[in-house]
C-alpha atoms as a PDB file:
ATOM      1  CA  MET A   1      46.433 -71.005   0.547  1.00  0.00           C
ATOM      2  CA  VAL A   2      45.540 -71.884  -3.299  1.00  0.00           C
ATOM      3  CA  LYS A   3      49.709 -72.362  -4.635  1.00  0.00           C
ATOM      4  CA  MET A   4      49.114 -70.491  -8.256  1.00  0.00           C
ATOM      5  CA  ASN A   5      52.054 -71.002 -11.045  1.00  0.00           C
ATOM      6  CA  PHE A   6      50.506 -69.327 -13.553  1.00  0.00           C
ATOM      7  CA  THR A   7      48.694 -65.617 -14.278  1.00  0.00           C
ATOM      8  CA  SER A   8      45.273 -66.344 -12.808  1.00  0.00           C
ATOM      9  CA  SER A   9      41.864 -64.095 -12.999  1.00  0.00           C
ATOM     10  CA  PHE A  10      37.883 -64.999 -12.242  1.00  0.00           C
ATOM     11  CA  HIS A  11      36.099 -63.976 -15.905  1.00  0.00           C
ATOM     12  CA  GLN A  12      32.978 -62.089 -15.119  1.00  0.00           C
ATOM     13  CA  SER A  13      31.285 -65.475 -16.033  1.00  0.00           C
ATOM     14  CA  GLY A  14      32.673 -66.994 -12.394  1.00  0.00           C
ATOM     15  CA  ALA A  15      34.922 -69.529 -14.806  1.00  0.00           C
ATOM     16  CA  LEU A  16      38.584 -69.420 -13.510  1.00  0.00           C
ATOM     17  CA  MET A  17      41.115 -68.321 -16.910  1.00  0.00           C
ATOM     18  CA  THR A  18      44.247 -67.867 -17.084  1.00  0.00           C
ATOM     19  CA  ASP A  19      47.155 -66.855 -19.888  1.00  0.00           C
ATOM     20  CA  LYS A  20      48.650 -69.920 -19.550  1.00  0.00           C
ATOM     21  CA  LYS A  21      48.951 -72.128 -22.978  1.00  0.00           C
ATOM     22  CA  VAL A  22      48.855 -75.492 -21.952  1.00  0.00           C
ATOM     23  CA  ILE A  23      47.162 -75.633 -18.676  1.00  0.00           C
ATOM     24  CA  ASP A  24      48.757 -78.993 -16.196  1.00  0.00           C
ATOM     25  CA  LEU A  25      47.892 -77.867 -13.065  1.00  0.00           C
ATOM     26  CA  CYS A  26      44.748 -77.120 -10.987  1.00  0.00           C
ATOM     27  CA  PRO A  27      44.699 -73.283  -9.021  1.00  0.00           C
ATOM     28  CA  ILE A  28      42.139 -74.483  -6.512  1.00  0.00           C
ATOM     29  CA  CYS A  29      43.517 -77.834  -5.244  1.00  0.00           C
ATOM     30  CA  ASP A  30      46.493 -78.116  -7.337  1.00  0.00           C
ATOM     31  CA  SER A  31      45.942 -81.813  -9.518  1.00  0.00           C
ATOM     32  CA  ARG A  32      47.205 -82.352 -12.531  1.00  0.00           C
ATOM     33  CA  LYS A  33      44.408 -84.288 -13.675  1.00  0.00           C
ATOM     34  CA  ILE A  34      43.092 -81.711 -16.277  1.00  0.00           C
ATOM     35  CA  LYS A  35      41.185 -82.669 -19.319  1.00  0.00           C
ATOM     36  CA  LYS A  36      40.941 -80.114 -21.796  1.00  0.00           C
ATOM     37  CA  LEU A  37      37.378 -80.864 -23.560  1.00  0.00           C
ATOM     38  CA  ARG A  38      35.322 -78.773 -26.857  1.00  0.00           C
ATOM     39  CA  GLY A  39      31.916 -78.469 -26.568  1.00  0.00           C
ATOM     40  CA  VAL A  40      29.533 -76.422 -24.170  1.00  0.00           C
ATOM     41  CA  PHE A  41      30.260 -74.184 -20.870  1.00  0.00           C
ATOM     42  CA  ASP A  42      27.958 -74.054 -18.692  1.00  0.00           C
ATOM     43  CA  LEU A  43      27.937 -70.953 -16.570  1.00  0.00           C
ATOM     44  CA  GLY A  44      25.555 -71.728 -14.826  1.00  0.00           C
ATOM     45  CA  LYS A  45      21.865 -69.654 -16.052  1.00  0.00           C
ATOM     46  CA  LYS A  46      23.863 -68.916 -19.506  1.00  0.00           C
ATOM     47  CA  THR A  47      25.542 -71.522 -21.227  1.00  0.00           C
ATOM     48  CA  ILE A  48      28.094 -70.489 -24.436  1.00  0.00           C
ATOM     49  CA  PRO A  49      28.774 -72.614 -27.001  1.00  0.00           C
ATOM     50  CA  ASP A  50      31.190 -74.683 -29.100  1.00  0.00           C
ATOM     51  CA  ILE A  51      34.337 -73.707 -26.566  1.00  0.00           C
ATOM     52  CA  GLU A  52      37.690 -74.608 -25.762  1.00  0.00           C
ATOM     53  CA  TYR A  53      38.511 -75.016 -22.144  1.00  0.00           C
ATOM     54  CA  TYR A  54      40.039 -77.414 -19.089  1.00  0.00           C
ATOM     55  CA  LEU A  55      38.294 -79.099 -16.490  1.00  0.00           C
ATOM     56  CA  CYS A  56      39.981 -80.253 -13.545  1.00  0.00           C
ATOM     57  CA  GLU A  57      38.630 -83.993 -12.425  1.00  0.00           C
ATOM     58  CA  ASN A  58      39.733 -83.872  -8.754  1.00  0.00           C
ATOM     59  CA  CYS A  59      37.435 -80.505  -8.060  1.00  0.00           C
ATOM     60  CA  GLY A  60      35.118 -80.027 -10.642  1.00  0.00           C
ATOM     61  CA  GLU A  61      37.009 -76.633 -11.713  1.00  0.00           C
ATOM     62  CA  LYS A  62      36.344 -75.250 -15.052  1.00  0.00           C
ATOM     63  CA  LEU A  63      39.411 -72.679 -16.450  1.00  0.00           C
ATOM     64  CA  THR A  64      39.257 -71.557 -19.561  1.00  0.00           C
ATOM     65  CA  ASP A  65      42.113 -69.467 -21.016  1.00  0.00           C
ATOM     66  CA  THR A  66      42.642 -65.586 -22.419  1.00  0.00           C
ATOM     67  CA  GLU A  67      41.669 -66.193 -26.036  1.00  0.00           C
ATOM     68  CA  ASN A  68      38.413 -67.857 -25.348  1.00  0.00           C
ATOM     69  CA  GLU A  69      37.512 -65.696 -22.419  1.00  0.00           C
ATOM     70  CA  GLU A  70      37.409 -63.047 -25.570  1.00  0.00           C
ATOM     71  CA  LYS A  71      35.113 -65.984 -27.689  1.00  0.00           C
ATOM     72  CA  ILE A  72      33.256 -65.759 -24.238  1.00  0.00           C
ATOM     73  CA  ASP A  73      32.660 -62.200 -23.860  1.00  0.00           C
ATOM     74  CA  HIS A  74      31.245 -61.819 -27.548  1.00  0.00           C
ATOM     75  CA  TYR A  75      29.420 -64.906 -27.216  1.00  0.00           C
ATOM     76  CA  LEU A  76      27.411 -62.873 -23.762  1.00  0.00           C
ATOM     77  CA  LYS A  77      27.772 -59.687 -25.378  1.00  0.00           C
ATOM     78  CA  LYS A  78      25.769 -60.547 -28.615  1.00  0.00           C
ATOM     79  CA  GLN A  79      23.330 -62.463 -26.843  1.00  0.00           C
ATOM     80  CA  GLY A  80      22.697 -59.577 -24.790  1.00  0.00           C
ATOM     81  CA  SER A  81      22.071 -56.921 -27.484  1.00  0.00           C
ATOM     82  CA  LYS A  82      19.378 -60.290 -28.883  1.00  0.00           C
ATOM     83  CA  LYS A  83      17.847 -59.437 -26.128  1.00  0.00           C
ATOM     84  CA  LYS A  84      17.629 -55.683 -26.203  1.00  0.00           C
ATOM     85  CA  ARG A  85      16.372 -55.772 -29.778  1.00  0.00           C
ATOM     86  CA  ALA A  86      13.521 -58.448 -28.961  1.00  0.00           C
ATOM     87  CA  ALA A  87      12.207 -55.994 -26.023  1.00  0.00           C
END
């Protein structure tokens, strides 16, 4: 069972997101080896440039907060509208 000390949920991208401002505990493995990063956020088939996220150095789980979730949503919608215009 995963013990979570903050509200979290999965974003449509598959990344775990949280409303906590400072992420210091991985909700998957309970590790405190959390590194704050800024850069390309890899979602598998899509990548999001220049996003702040957290990476658990123990299990590799990527986490993002609700502020950056909005940036991810905006970027994905923008990319979707570009594809529709190109078709």
